[in-house]
C-alpha atoms as a PDB file:
ATOM      1  CA  UNK A   1     -17.709  25.130  16.218  1.00  0.00           C
ATOM      2  CA  UNK A   2     -15.915  24.294  12.824  1.00  0.00           C
ATOM      3  CA  UNK A   3     -12.619  25.569  11.920  1.00  0.00           C
ATOM      4  CA  UNK A   4     -11.665  25.977   8.141  1.00  0.00           C
ATOM      5  CA  UNK A   5      -8.430  26.639   6.352  1.00  0.00           C
ATOM      6  CA  UNK A   6      -7.788  30.322   5.795  1.00  0.00           C
ATOM      7  CA  UNK A   7      -6.439  29.484   2.255  1.00  0.00           C
ATOM      8  CA  UNK A   8      -6.338  26.903   0.046  1.00  0.00           C
ATOM      9  CA  UNK A   9      -2.515  26.310  -0.036  1.00  0.00           C
ATOM     10  CA  UNK A  10      -2.047  22.439  -0.800  1.00  0.00           C
ATOM     11  CA  UNK A  11       0.505  20.233   0.192  1.00  0.00           C
ATOM     12  CA  UNK A  12       2.207  20.164  -3.258  1.00  0.00           C
ATOM     13  CA  UNK A  13       1.919  23.878  -3.259  1.00  0.00           C
ATOM     14  CA  UNK A  14       3.789  24.090  -0.150  1.00  0.00           C
ATOM     15  CA  UNK A  15       6.323  21.552  -1.372  1.00  0.00           C
ATOM     16  CA  UNK A  16       6.798  23.494  -4.569  1.00  0.00           C
ATOM     17  CA  UNK A  17       7.389  26.744  -2.347  1.00  0.00           C
ATOM     18  CA  UNK A  18      10.041  24.754  -0.229  1.00  0.00           C
ATOM     19  CA  UNK A  19      11.794  23.619  -3.622  1.00  0.00           C
ATOM     20  CA  UNK A  20      11.788  27.145  -5.154  1.00  0.00           C
ATOM     21  CA  UNK A  21      13.210  28.621  -1.807  1.00  0.00           C
ATOM     22  CA  UNK A  22      15.917  25.939  -1.606  1.00  0.00           C
ATOM     23  CA  UNK A  23      16.960  26.404  -5.242  1.00  0.00           C
ATOM     24  CA  UNK A  24      17.051  30.149  -4.855  1.00  0.00           C
ATOM     25  CA  UNK A  25      19.100  29.792  -1.425  1.00  0.00           C
ATOM     26  CA  UNK A  26      21.497  27.383  -3.608  1.00  0.00           C
ATOM     27  CA  UNK A  27      21.551  30.003  -6.429  1.00  0.00           C
ATOM     28  CA  UNK A  28      22.651  32.520  -4.161  1.00  0.00           C
ATOM     29  CA  UNK A  29      25.148  30.421  -2.500  1.00  0.00           C
ATOM     30  CA  UNK A  30      26.624  29.293  -5.983  1.00  0.00           C
ATOM     31  CA  UNK A  31      26.811  32.848  -7.310  1.00  0.00           C
ATOM     32  CA  UNK A  32      28.840  34.021  -4.100  1.00  0.00           C
ATOM     33  CA  UNK A  33      31.101  31.176  -4.204  1.00  0.00           C
ATOM     34  CA  UNK A  34      31.535  31.360  -7.994  1.00  0.00           C
ATOM     35  CA  UNK A  35      30.266  28.062  -8.775  1.00  0.00           C
ATOM     36  CA  UNK A  36      28.985  28.391 -12.123  1.00  0.00           C
ATOM     37  CA  UNK A  37      27.609  24.859 -12.602  1.00  0.00           C
ATOM     38  CA  UNK A  38      25.764  24.690  -9.666  1.00  0.00           C
ATOM     39  CA  UNK A  39      24.540  28.148 -10.168  1.00  0.00           C
ATOM     40  CA  UNK A  40      23.147  26.928 -13.578  1.00  0.00           C
ATOM     41  CA  UNK A  41      21.514  24.043 -12.103  1.00  0.00           C
ATOM     42  CA  UNK A  42      19.731  26.188  -9.354  1.00  0.00           C
ATOM     43  CA  UNK A  43      19.004  28.638 -11.846  1.00  0.00           C
ATOM     44  CA  UNK A  44      16.733  26.243 -14.025  1.00  0.00           C
ATOM     45  CA  UNK A  45      14.720  25.485 -10.859  1.00  0.00           C
ATOM     46  CA  UNK A  46      14.137  28.952  -9.889  1.00  0.00           C
ATOM     47  CA  UNK A  47      12.987  30.064 -13.504  1.00  0.00           C
ATOM     48  CA  UNK A  48      10.224  28.061 -13.267  1.00  0.00           C
ATOM     49  CA  UNK A  49       8.769  29.361 -10.174  1.00  0.00           C
ATOM     50  CA  UNK A  50       5.775  31.591 -10.280  1.00  0.00           C
ATOM     51  CA  UNK A  51       7.507  34.342  -8.650  1.00  0.00           C
ATOM     52  CA  UNK A  52      10.084  34.300 -11.850  1.00  0.00           C
ATOM     53  CA  UNK A  53       7.081  34.595 -14.106  1.00  0.00           C
ATOM     54  CA  UNK A  54       5.592  37.787 -15.580  1.00  0.00           C
ATOM     55  CA  UNK A  55       7.548  41.217 -15.462  1.00  0.00           C
ATOM     56  CA  UNK A  56       7.768  42.077 -11.667  1.00  0.00           C
ATOM     57  CA  UNK A  57      11.058  43.176 -10.407  1.00  0.00           C
ATOM     58  CA  UNK A  58      12.070  39.633  -9.004  1.00  0.00           C
ATOM     59  CA  UNK A  59      11.278  38.313 -12.411  1.00  0.00           C
ATOM     60  CA  UNK A  60      12.985  40.825 -14.373  1.00  0.00           C
ATOM     61  CA  UNK A  61      16.363  40.202 -11.598  1.00  0.00           C
ATOM     62  CA  UNK A  62      16.059  36.516 -12.437  1.00  0.00           C
ATOM     63  CA  UNK A  63      15.832  37.209 -16.312  1.00  0.00           C
ATOM     64  CA  UNK A  64      19.096  39.257 -15.891  1.00  0.00           C
ATOM     65  CA  UNK A  65      20.783  36.524 -13.809  1.00  0.00           C
ATOM     66  CA  UNK A  66      19.685  33.747 -16.728  1.00  0.00           C
ATOM     67  CA  UNK A  67      21.519  35.821 -19.079  1.00  0.00           C
ATOM     68  CA  UNK A  68      24.607  36.610 -17.387  1.00  0.00           C
ATOM     69  CA  UNK A  69      24.760  32.662 -16.732  1.00  0.00           C
END
């Protein structure tokens, strides 16, 4: 019996996901603490995530955060 992967989620995609997730967490923490430089740095990473592209609610929220920074 052969077991195959359910999805084609590669190791690099998993790594990118973790990087975006960590950057989003850092963005939230920086915004809550008022650390503008850290927020800008984290935002630069988050804005390149696939979820930040397009016109969905998450992308729109990130665009607004970017404008506010």
